[in-house]
PDB file of all heavy atoms in Angstrom:
ATOM      1  N   PRO A   1       8.823   0.338   7.615  1.00  0.00           N
ATOM      2  CA  PRO A   1      10.024   0.567   8.491  1.00  0.00           C
ATOM      3  C   PRO A   1      11.278   0.923   7.636  1.00  0.00           C
ATOM      4  O   PRO A   1      11.539   0.313   6.576  1.00  0.00           O
ATOM      5  CB  PRO A   1      10.193  -0.759   9.136  1.00  0.00           C
ATOM      6  CG  PRO A   1       8.786  -1.305   9.283  1.00  0.00           C
ATOM      7  CD  PRO A   1       8.115  -0.810   7.969  1.00  0.00           C
ATOM      8  N   GLY A   2      12.025   1.946   8.143  1.00  0.00           N
ATOM      9  CA  GLY A   2      13.242   2.322   7.482  1.00  0.00           C
ATOM     10  C   GLY A   2      13.089   3.446   6.516  1.00  0.00           C
ATOM     11  O   GLY A   2      14.050   3.924   5.967  1.00  0.00           O
ATOM     12  N   TYR A   3      11.829   3.835   6.236  1.00  0.00           N
ATOM     13  CA  TYR A   3      11.586   4.871   5.221  1.00  0.00           C
ATOM     14  C   TYR A   3      10.520   5.851   5.612  1.00  0.00           C
ATOM     15  O   TYR A   3       9.473   5.467   6.274  1.00  0.00           O
ATOM     16  CB  TYR A   3      11.088   4.229   3.911  1.00  0.00           C
ATOM     17  CG  TYR A   3      12.132   3.271   3.261  1.00  0.00           C
ATOM     18  CD1 TYR A   3      12.181   1.919   3.611  1.00  0.00           C
ATOM     19  CD2 TYR A   3      13.037   3.783   2.321  1.00  0.00           C
ATOM     20  CE1 TYR A   3      13.085   1.069   3.041  1.00  0.00           C
ATOM     21  CE2 TYR A   3      13.977   2.901   1.765  1.00  0.00           C
ATOM     22  CZ  TYR A   3      14.003   1.576   2.098  1.00  0.00           C
ATOM     23  OH  TYR A   3      14.906   0.733   1.517  1.00  0.00           O
ATOM     24  N   PHE A   4      10.673   7.086   5.288  1.00  0.00           N
ATOM     25  CA  PHE A   4       9.636   8.111   5.392  1.00  0.00           C
ATOM     26  C   PHE A   4       8.704   7.895   4.220  1.00  0.00           C
ATOM     27  O   PHE A   4       9.023   7.345   3.174  1.00  0.00           O
ATOM     28  CB  PHE A   4      10.189   9.484   5.391  1.00  0.00           C
ATOM     29  CG  PHE A   4      10.851   9.853   6.709  1.00  0.00           C
ATOM     30  CD1 PHE A   4      12.193   9.728   6.907  1.00  0.00           C
ATOM     31  CD2 PHE A   4      10.084  10.381   7.731  1.00  0.00           C
ATOM     32  CE1 PHE A   4      12.781  10.087   8.084  1.00  0.00           C
ATOM     33  CE2 PHE A   4      10.633  10.736   8.923  1.00  0.00           C
ATOM     34  CZ  PHE A   4      12.020  10.585   9.156  1.00  0.00           C
ATOM     35  N   PRO A   5       7.432   8.449   4.289  1.00  0.00           N
ATOM     36  CA  PRO A   5       6.469   8.263   3.218  1.00  0.00           C
ATOM     37  C   PRO A   5       6.996   8.805   1.870  1.00  0.00           C
ATOM     38  O   PRO A   5       6.771   8.191   0.814  1.00  0.00           O
ATOM     39  CB  PRO A   5       5.281   9.050   3.672  1.00  0.00           C
ATOM     40  CG  PRO A   5       5.379   9.119   5.176  1.00  0.00           C
ATOM     41  CD  PRO A   5       6.827   9.136   5.469  1.00  0.00           C
ATOM     42  N   GLY A   6       7.749   9.926   1.895  1.00  0.00           N
ATOM     43  CA  GLY A   6       8.184  10.533   0.668  1.00  0.00           C
ATOM     44  C   GLY A   6       9.138   9.684  -0.113  1.00  0.00           C
ATOM     45  O   GLY A   6       9.473   9.919  -1.287  1.00  0.00           O
ATOM     46  N   SER A   7       9.684   8.595   0.521  1.00  0.00           N
ATOM     47  CA  SER A   7      10.612   7.726  -0.180  1.00  0.00           C
ATOM     48  C   SER A   7       9.882   6.832  -1.216  1.00  0.00           C
ATOM     49  O   SER A   7      10.492   6.276  -2.052  1.00  0.00           O
ATOM     50  CB  SER A   7      11.393   6.891   0.797  1.00  0.00           C
ATOM     51  OG  SER A   7      12.162   7.636   1.630  1.00  0.00           O
ATOM     52  N   ALA A   8       8.515   6.716  -0.989  1.00  0.00           N
ATOM     53  CA  ALA A   8       7.728   5.887  -1.916  1.00  0.00           C
ATOM     54  C   ALA A   8       8.399   4.494  -2.089  1.00  0.00           C
ATOM     55  O   ALA A   8       8.619   4.015  -3.184  1.00  0.00           O
ATOM     56  CB  ALA A   8       7.556   6.594  -3.255  1.00  0.00           C
ATOM     57  N   ALA A   9       8.690   3.873  -0.978  1.00  0.00           N
ATOM     58  CA  ALA A   9       9.492   2.696  -1.001  1.00  0.00           C
ATOM     59  C   ALA A   9       8.780   1.376  -0.948  1.00  0.00           C
ATOM     60  O   ALA A   9       9.389   0.266  -1.027  1.00  0.00           O
ATOM     61  CB  ALA A   9      10.504   2.685   0.219  1.00  0.00           C
ATOM     62  N   ILE A  10       7.497   1.391  -0.841  1.00  0.00           N
ATOM     63  CA  ILE A  10       6.689   0.127  -0.773  1.00  0.00           C
ATOM     64  C   ILE A  10       6.789  -0.550  -2.149  1.00  0.00           C
ATOM     65  O   ILE A  10       6.593   0.109  -3.186  1.00  0.00           O
ATOM     66  CB  ILE A  10       5.234   0.400  -0.348  1.00  0.00           C
ATOM     67  CG1 ILE A  10       5.175   1.105   0.986  1.00  0.00           C
ATOM     68  CG2 ILE A  10       4.473  -0.891  -0.303  1.00  0.00           C
ATOM     69  CD1 ILE A  10       3.816   1.609   1.371  1.00  0.00           C
ATOM     70  N   GLU A  11       7.023  -1.856  -2.164  1.00  0.00           N
ATOM     71  CA  GLU A  11       7.208  -2.573  -3.402  1.00  0.00           C
ATOM     72  C   GLU A  11       5.970  -3.362  -3.784  1.00  0.00           C
ATOM     73  O   GLU A  11       5.062  -3.570  -2.971  1.00  0.00           O
ATOM     74  CB  GLU A  11       8.398  -3.475  -3.239  1.00  0.00           C
ATOM     75  CG  GLU A  11       9.708  -2.715  -2.935  1.00  0.00           C
ATOM     76  CD  GLU A  11      10.915  -3.627  -2.716  1.00  0.00           C
ATOM     77  OE1 GLU A  11      10.732  -4.832  -2.698  1.00  0.00           O
ATOM     78  OE2 GLU A  11      12.037  -3.089  -2.585  1.00  0.00           O
ATOM     79  N   ARG A  12       6.006  -3.865  -5.007  1.00  0.00           N
ATOM     80  CA  ARG A  12       4.817  -4.556  -5.570  1.00  0.00           C
ATOM     81  C   ARG A  12       4.428  -5.786  -4.744  1.00  0.00           C
ATOM     82  O   ARG A  12       3.222  -5.959  -4.491  1.00  0.00           O
ATOM     83  CB  ARG A  12       5.169  -4.992  -7.022  1.00  0.00           C
ATOM     84  CG  ARG A  12       4.112  -5.883  -7.697  1.00  0.00           C
ATOM     85  CD  ARG A  12       2.733  -5.223  -7.854  1.00  0.00           C
ATOM     86  NE  ARG A  12       1.751  -6.171  -8.309  1.00  0.00           N
ATOM     87  CZ  ARG A  12       1.521  -6.468  -9.545  1.00  0.00           C
ATOM     88  NH1 ARG A  12       2.202  -5.863 -10.547  1.00  0.00           N
ATOM     89  NH2 ARG A  12       0.555  -7.312  -9.899  1.00  0.00           N
ATOM     90  N   ALA A  13       5.378  -6.550  -4.322  1.00  0.00           N
ATOM     91  CA  ALA A  13       5.026  -7.766  -3.526  1.00  0.00           C
ATOM     92  C   ALA A  13       4.297  -7.400  -2.255  1.00  0.00           C
ATOM     93  O   ALA A  13       3.392  -8.073  -1.788  1.00  0.00           O
ATOM     94  CB  ALA A  13       6.260  -8.627  -3.241  1.00  0.00           C
ATOM     95  N   GLU A  14       4.732  -6.328  -1.661  1.00  0.00           N
ATOM     96  CA  GLU A  14       4.123  -5.825  -0.377  1.00  0.00           C
ATOM     97  C   GLU A  14       2.689  -5.343  -0.758  1.00  0.00           C
ATOM     98  O   GLU A  14       1.733  -5.712  -0.001  1.00  0.00           O
ATOM     99  CB  GLU A  14       4.928  -4.676   0.186  1.00  0.00           C
ATOM    100  CG  GLU A  14       6.276  -5.141   0.701  1.00  0.00           C
ATOM    101  CD  GLU A  14       7.212  -4.009   1.034  1.00  0.00           C
ATOM    102  OE1 GLU A  14       7.440  -3.148   0.166  1.00  0.00           O
ATOM    103  OE2 GLU A  14       7.733  -4.018   2.180  1.00  0.00           O
ATOM    104  N   TYR A  15       2.472  -4.555  -1.748  1.00  0.00           N
ATOM    105  CA  TYR A  15       1.164  -4.112  -2.143  1.00  0.00           C
ATOM    106  C   TYR A  15       0.271  -5.341  -2.417  1.00  0.00           C
ATOM    107  O   TYR A  15      -0.928  -5.374  -2.047  1.00  0.00           O
ATOM    108  CB  TYR A  15       1.212  -3.187  -3.355  1.00  0.00           C
ATOM    109  CG  TYR A  15       1.573  -1.775  -3.044  1.00  0.00           C
ATOM    110  CD1 TYR A  15       2.640  -1.204  -3.716  1.00  0.00           C
ATOM    111  CD2 TYR A  15       0.834  -1.045  -2.119  1.00  0.00           C
ATOM    112  CE1 TYR A  15       3.036   0.105  -3.413  1.00  0.00           C
ATOM    113  CE2 TYR A  15       1.217   0.309  -1.857  1.00  0.00           C
ATOM    114  CZ  TYR A  15       2.297   0.845  -2.505  1.00  0.00           C
ATOM    115  OH  TYR A  15       2.598   2.192  -2.211  1.00  0.00           O
ATOM    116  N   ASP A  16       0.766  -6.309  -3.143  1.00  0.00           N
ATOM    117  CA  ASP A  16      -0.091  -7.505  -3.474  1.00  0.00           C
ATOM    118  C   ASP A  16      -0.587  -8.175  -2.185  1.00  0.00           C
ATOM    119  O   ASP A  16      -1.699  -8.545  -2.082  1.00  0.00           O
ATOM    120  CB  ASP A  16       0.790  -8.472  -4.280  1.00  0.00           C
ATOM    121  CG  ASP A  16       0.972  -8.079  -5.714  1.00  0.00           C
ATOM    122  OD1 ASP A  16       0.089  -7.333  -6.273  1.00  0.00           O
ATOM    123  OD2 ASP A  16       1.928  -8.488  -6.374  1.00  0.00           O
ATOM    124  N   ARG A  17       0.380  -8.344  -1.279  1.00  0.00           N
ATOM    125  CA  ARG A  17       0.060  -8.984  -0.046  1.00  0.00           C
ATOM    126  C   ARG A  17      -0.972  -8.165   0.767  1.00  0.00           C
ATOM    127  O   ARG A  17      -1.958  -8.648   1.307  1.00  0.00           O
ATOM    128  CB  ARG A  17       1.356  -9.117   0.776  1.00  0.00           C
ATOM    129  CG  ARG A  17       1.444 -10.357   1.627  1.00  0.00           C
ATOM    130  CD  ARG A  17       2.901 -10.681   2.053  1.00  0.00           C
ATOM    131  NE  ARG A  17       3.670  -9.567   2.394  1.00  0.00           N
ATOM    132  CZ  ARG A  17       4.805  -9.187   1.747  1.00  0.00           C
ATOM    133  NH1 ARG A  17       5.198  -9.899   0.744  1.00  0.00           N
ATOM    134  NH2 ARG A  17       5.528  -8.184   2.168  1.00  0.00           N
ATOM    135  N   TRP A  18      -0.727  -6.865   0.871  1.00  0.00           N
ATOM    136  CA  TRP A  18      -1.549  -6.007   1.705  1.00  0.00           C
ATOM    137  C   TRP A  18      -2.976  -5.911   1.113  1.00  0.00           C
ATOM    138  O   TRP A  18      -3.968  -5.993   1.853  1.00  0.00           O
ATOM    139  CB  TRP A  18      -0.923  -4.655   1.787  1.00  0.00           C
ATOM    140  CG  TRP A  18       0.428  -4.631   2.495  1.00  0.00           C
ATOM    141  CD1 TRP A  18       1.048  -5.666   3.089  1.00  0.00           C
ATOM    142  CD2 TRP A  18       1.217  -3.515   2.723  1.00  0.00           C
ATOM    143  NE1 TRP A  18       2.229  -5.311   3.649  1.00  0.00           N
ATOM    144  CE2 TRP A  18       2.384  -3.926   3.454  1.00  0.00           C
ATOM    145  CE3 TRP A  18       1.132  -2.116   2.424  1.00  0.00           C
ATOM    146  CZ2 TRP A  18       3.410  -3.088   3.845  1.00  0.00           C
ATOM    147  CZ3 TRP A  18       2.173  -1.289   2.776  1.00  0.00           C
ATOM    148  CH2 TRP A  18       3.253  -1.749   3.529  1.00  0.00           C
ATOM    149  N   LEU A  19      -3.074  -5.737  -0.184  1.00  0.00           N
ATOM    150  CA  LEU A  19      -4.366  -5.598  -0.809  1.00  0.00           C
ATOM    151  C   LEU A  19      -5.220  -6.873  -0.642  1.00  0.00           C
ATOM    152  O   LEU A  19      -6.441  -6.864  -0.527  1.00  0.00           O
ATOM    153  CB  LEU A  19      -4.267  -5.186  -2.245  1.00  0.00           C
ATOM    154  CG  LEU A  19      -3.729  -3.759  -2.548  1.00  0.00           C
ATOM    155  CD1 LEU A  19      -3.570  -3.528  -4.004  1.00  0.00           C
ATOM    156  CD2 LEU A  19      -4.613  -2.674  -1.877  1.00  0.00           C
ATOM    157  N   GLU A  20      -4.537  -7.995  -0.697  1.00  0.00           N
ATOM    158  CA  GLU A  20      -5.233  -9.272  -0.517  1.00  0.00           C
ATOM    159  C   GLU A  20      -5.835  -9.325   0.894  1.00  0.00           C
ATOM    160  O   GLU A  20      -6.978  -9.677   1.110  1.00  0.00           O
ATOM    161  CB  GLU A  20      -4.262 -10.478  -0.675  1.00  0.00           C
ATOM    162  CG  GLU A  20      -4.918 -11.783  -0.639  1.00  0.00           C
ATOM    163  CD  GLU A  20      -5.733 -12.112  -1.857  1.00  0.00           C
ATOM    164  OE1 GLU A  20      -5.413 -11.552  -2.926  1.00  0.00           O
ATOM    165  OE2 GLU A  20      -6.689 -12.892  -1.764  1.00  0.00           O
ATOM    166  N   HIS A  21      -5.046  -8.891   1.907  1.00  0.00           N
ATOM    167  CA  HIS A  21      -5.586  -8.926   3.285  1.00  0.00           C
ATOM    168  C   HIS A  21      -6.707  -7.844   3.425  1.00  0.00           C
ATOM    169  O   HIS A  21      -7.720  -8.108   4.082  1.00  0.00           O
ATOM    170  CB  HIS A  21      -4.464  -8.626   4.260  1.00  0.00           C
ATOM    171  CG  HIS A  21      -3.477  -9.746   4.382  1.00  0.00           C
ATOM    172  ND1 HIS A  21      -3.852 -11.040   4.700  1.00  0.00           N
ATOM    173  CD2 HIS A  21      -2.129  -9.790   4.354  1.00  0.00           C
ATOM    174  CE1 HIS A  21      -2.828 -11.825   4.745  1.00  0.00           C
ATOM    175  NE2 HIS A  21      -1.733 -11.104   4.526  1.00  0.00           N
ATOM    176  N   ILE A  22      -6.492  -6.656   2.869  1.00  0.00           N
ATOM    177  CA  ILE A  22      -7.457  -5.576   2.971  1.00  0.00           C
ATOM    178  C   ILE A  22      -8.789  -6.011   2.375  1.00  0.00           C
ATOM    179  O   ILE A  22      -9.859  -5.805   2.919  1.00  0.00           O
ATOM    180  CB  ILE A  22      -6.953  -4.254   2.395  1.00  0.00           C
ATOM    181  CG1 ILE A  22      -5.794  -3.717   3.206  1.00  0.00           C
ATOM    182  CG2 ILE A  22      -8.076  -3.247   2.291  1.00  0.00           C
ATOM    183  CD1 ILE A  22      -5.066  -2.545   2.527  1.00  0.00           C
ATOM    184  N   GLY A  23      -8.707  -6.668   1.175  1.00  0.00           N
ATOM    185  CA  GLY A  23      -9.857  -7.093   0.497  1.00  0.00           C
ATOM    186  C   GLY A  23     -10.700  -8.121   1.202  1.00  0.00           C
ATOM    187  O   GLY A  23     -11.843  -8.272   0.946  1.00  0.00           O
ATOM    188  N   GLU A  24     -10.071  -8.779   2.145  1.00  0.00           N
ATOM    189  CA  GLU A  24     -10.832  -9.789   2.951  1.00  0.00           C
ATOM    190  C   GLU A  24     -11.727  -9.131   4.000  1.00  0.00           C
ATOM    191  O   GLU A  24     -12.621  -9.790   4.487  1.00  0.00           O
ATOM    192  CB  GLU A  24      -9.871 -10.739   3.563  1.00  0.00           C
ATOM    193  CG  GLU A  24      -9.166 -11.677   2.607  1.00  0.00           C
ATOM    194  CD  GLU A  24      -8.102 -12.537   3.230  1.00  0.00           C
ATOM    195  OE1 GLU A  24      -7.950 -12.418   4.474  1.00  0.00           O
ATOM    196  OE2 GLU A  24      -7.479 -13.373   2.558  1.00  0.00           O
ATOM    197  N   ILE A  25     -11.420  -7.901   4.378  1.00  0.00           N
ATOM    198  CA  ILE A  25     -12.223  -7.216   5.453  1.00  0.00           C
ATOM    199  C   ILE A  25     -12.855  -5.925   5.019  1.00  0.00           C
ATOM    200  O   ILE A  25     -13.638  -5.351   5.811  1.00  0.00           O
ATOM    201  CB  ILE A  25     -11.341  -6.988   6.721  1.00  0.00           C
ATOM    202  CG1 ILE A  25     -10.236  -5.964   6.421  1.00  0.00           C
ATOM    203  CG2 ILE A  25     -10.820  -8.273   7.284  1.00  0.00           C
ATOM    204  CD1 ILE A  25      -9.501  -5.499   7.675  1.00  0.00           C
ATOM    205  N   ALA A  26     -12.578  -5.440   3.851  1.00  0.00           N
ATOM    206  CA  ALA A  26     -13.002  -4.092   3.460  1.00  0.00           C
ATOM    207  C   ALA A  26     -13.423  -4.041   1.995  1.00  0.00           C
ATOM    208  O   ALA A  26     -13.042  -4.896   1.206  1.00  0.00           O
ATOM    209  CB  ALA A  26     -11.924  -3.062   3.758  1.00  0.00           C
ATOM    210  N   ASN A  27     -14.177  -2.991   1.691  1.00  0.00           N
ATOM    211  CA  ASN A  27     -14.559  -2.841   0.218  1.00  0.00           C
ATOM    212  C   ASN A  27     -13.927  -1.591  -0.385  1.00  0.00           C
ATOM    213  O   ASN A  27     -14.066  -1.358  -1.604  1.00  0.00           O
ATOM    214  CB  ASN A  27     -16.100  -2.822   0.034  1.00  0.00           C
ATOM    215  CG  ASN A  27     -16.774  -1.699   0.779  1.00  0.00           C
ATOM    216  OD1 ASN A  27     -16.063  -0.806   1.402  1.00  0.00           O
ATOM    217  ND2 ASN A  27     -18.068  -1.663   0.768  1.00  0.00           N
ATOM    218  N   VAL A  28     -13.209  -0.826   0.421  1.00  0.00           N
ATOM    219  CA  VAL A  28     -12.587   0.448  -0.080  1.00  0.00           C
ATOM    220  C   VAL A  28     -11.200   0.585   0.581  1.00  0.00           C
ATOM    221  O   VAL A  28     -11.038   0.280   1.746  1.00  0.00           O
ATOM    222  CB  VAL A  28     -13.446   1.690   0.294  1.00  0.00           C
ATOM    223  CG1 VAL A  28     -12.678   3.023  -0.088  1.00  0.00           C
ATOM    224  CG2 VAL A  28     -14.719   1.685  -0.476  1.00  0.00           C
ATOM    225  N   VAL A  29     -10.230   0.968  -0.210  1.00  0.00           N
ATOM    226  CA  VAL A  29      -8.909   1.384   0.278  1.00  0.00           C
ATOM    227  C   VAL A  29      -8.752   2.812  -0.101  1.00  0.00           C
ATOM    228  O   VAL A  29      -8.978   3.229  -1.271  1.00  0.00           O
ATOM    229  CB  VAL A  29      -7.838   0.447  -0.338  1.00  0.00           C
ATOM    230  CG1 VAL A  29      -7.752   0.470  -1.845  1.00  0.00           C
ATOM    231  CG2 VAL A  29      -6.469   0.892   0.282  1.00  0.00           C
ATOM    232  N   ARG A  30      -8.322   3.583   0.881  1.00  0.00           N
ATOM    233  CA  ARG A  30      -8.099   5.047   0.617  1.00  0.00           C
ATOM    234  C   ARG A  30      -6.647   5.323   0.623  1.00  0.00           C
ATOM    235  O   ARG A  30      -5.914   4.893   1.523  1.00  0.00           O
ATOM    236  CB  ARG A  30      -8.848   5.834   1.718  1.00  0.00           C
ATOM    237  CG  ARG A  30      -8.557   7.395   1.548  1.00  0.00           C
ATOM    238  CD  ARG A  30      -8.730   8.100   2.831  1.00  0.00           C
ATOM    239  NE  ARG A  30      -8.339   9.477   2.783  1.00  0.00           N
ATOM    240  CZ  ARG A  30      -8.331  10.271   3.843  1.00  0.00           C
ATOM    241  NH1 ARG A  30      -8.621   9.876   5.035  1.00  0.00           N
ATOM    242  NH2 ARG A  30      -7.962  11.600   3.719  1.00  0.00           N
ATOM    243  N   THR A  31      -6.201   6.136  -0.284  1.00  0.00           N
ATOM    244  CA  THR A  31      -4.827   6.664  -0.254  1.00  0.00           C
ATOM    245  C   THR A  31      -4.882   8.185  -0.109  1.00  0.00           C
ATOM    246  O   THR A  31      -5.832   8.839  -0.469  1.00  0.00           O
ATOM    247  CB  THR A  31      -4.140   6.366  -1.608  1.00  0.00           C
ATOM    248  OG1 THR A  31      -4.768   7.069  -2.646  1.00  0.00           O
ATOM    249  CG2 THR A  31      -4.111   4.859  -1.888  1.00  0.00           C
ATOM    250  N   TYR A  32      -3.807   8.728   0.523  1.00  0.00           N
ATOM    251  CA  TYR A  32      -3.742  10.130   0.800  1.00  0.00           C
ATOM    252  C   TYR A  32      -3.059  10.895  -0.305  1.00  0.00           C
ATOM    253  O   TYR A  32      -3.207  12.149  -0.405  1.00  0.00           O
ATOM    254  CB  TYR A  32      -2.961  10.365   2.141  1.00  0.00           C
ATOM    255  CG  TYR A  32      -3.628   9.788   3.333  1.00  0.00           C
ATOM    256  CD1 TYR A  32      -3.343   8.512   3.719  1.00  0.00           C
ATOM    257  CD2 TYR A  32      -4.591  10.562   4.039  1.00  0.00           C
ATOM    258  CE1 TYR A  32      -3.955   7.972   4.826  1.00  0.00           C
ATOM    259  CE2 TYR A  32      -5.157  10.002   5.173  1.00  0.00           C
ATOM    260  CZ  TYR A  32      -4.868   8.715   5.577  1.00  0.00           C
ATOM    261  OH  TYR A  32      -5.520   8.204   6.675  1.00  0.00           O
ATOM    262  N   THR A  33      -2.368  10.166  -1.155  1.00  0.00           N
ATOM    263  CA  THR A  33      -1.564  10.802  -2.190  1.00  0.00           C
ATOM    264  C   THR A  33      -1.278   9.758  -3.285  1.00  0.00           C
ATOM    265  O   THR A  33      -1.728   8.631  -3.174  1.00  0.00           O
ATOM    266  CB  THR A  33      -0.251  11.342  -1.565  1.00  0.00           C
ATOM    267  OG1 THR A  33       0.466  12.138  -2.558  1.00  0.00           O
ATOM    268  CG2 THR A  33       0.657  10.196  -1.154  1.00  0.00           C
ATOM    269  N   ILE A  34      -0.576  10.205  -4.315  1.00  0.00           N
ATOM    270  CA  ILE A  34      -0.260   9.267  -5.387  1.00  0.00           C
ATOM    271  C   ILE A  34       0.813   8.275  -4.904  1.00  0.00           C
ATOM    272  O   ILE A  34       1.877   8.640  -4.424  1.00  0.00           O
ATOM    273  CB  ILE A  34       0.337  10.039  -6.591  1.00  0.00           C
ATOM    274  CG1 ILE A  34      -0.767  10.924  -7.196  1.00  0.00           C
ATOM    275  CG2 ILE A  34       0.810   9.061  -7.655  1.00  0.00           C
ATOM    276  CD1 ILE A  34      -0.247  11.905  -8.255  1.00  0.00           C
ATOM    277  N   HIS A  35       0.466   6.992  -4.926  1.00  0.00           N
ATOM    278  CA  HIS A  35       1.392   5.932  -4.528  1.00  0.00           C
ATOM    279  C   HIS A  35       2.265   5.573  -5.733  1.00  0.00           C
ATOM    280  O   HIS A  35       2.056   5.999  -6.864  1.00  0.00           O
ATOM    281  CB  HIS A  35       0.657   4.721  -4.105  1.00  0.00           C
ATOM    282  CG  HIS A  35       0.203   4.779  -2.628  1.00  0.00           C
ATOM    283  ND1 HIS A  35       0.662   3.873  -1.663  1.00  0.00           N
ATOM    284  CD2 HIS A  35      -0.558   5.659  -1.951  1.00  0.00           C
ATOM    285  CE1 HIS A  35       0.141   4.221  -0.482  1.00  0.00           C
ATOM    286  NE2 HIS A  35      -0.562   5.257  -0.644  1.00  0.00           N
ATOM    287  N   PRO A  36       3.314   4.808  -5.544  1.00  0.00           N
ATOM    288  CA  PRO A  36       4.156   4.321  -6.641  1.00  0.00           C
ATOM    289  C   PRO A  36       3.328   3.559  -7.661  1.00  0.00           C
ATOM    290  O   PRO A  36       2.249   3.003  -7.292  1.00  0.00           O
ATOM    291  CB  PRO A  36       5.187   3.450  -5.985  1.00  0.00           C
ATOM    292  CG  PRO A  36       5.239   3.896  -4.579  1.00  0.00           C
ATOM    293  CD  PRO A  36       3.780   4.300  -4.246  1.00  0.00           C
ATOM    294  N   PRO A  37       3.815   3.452  -8.887  1.00  0.00           N
ATOM    295  CA  PRO A  37       3.134   2.631  -9.894  1.00  0.00           C
ATOM    296  C   PRO A  37       2.745   1.246  -9.451  1.00  0.00           C
ATOM    297  O   PRO A  37       1.722   0.679  -9.831  1.00  0.00           O
ATOM    298  CB  PRO A  37       4.051   2.629 -11.089  1.00  0.00           C
ATOM    299  CG  PRO A  37       4.839   3.890 -10.905  1.00  0.00           C
ATOM    300  CD  PRO A  37       5.044   4.095  -9.462  1.00  0.00           C
TER     301      PRO A  37
END
């Protein structure tokens, strides 16, 4: 929210949280493009 994809605005804490949840239900995460470091 508040950002278009090209802003690359997702932060480390958000990724940490999201990957933890994704890893509980999935074995693969797909990205469409290069994400931030």
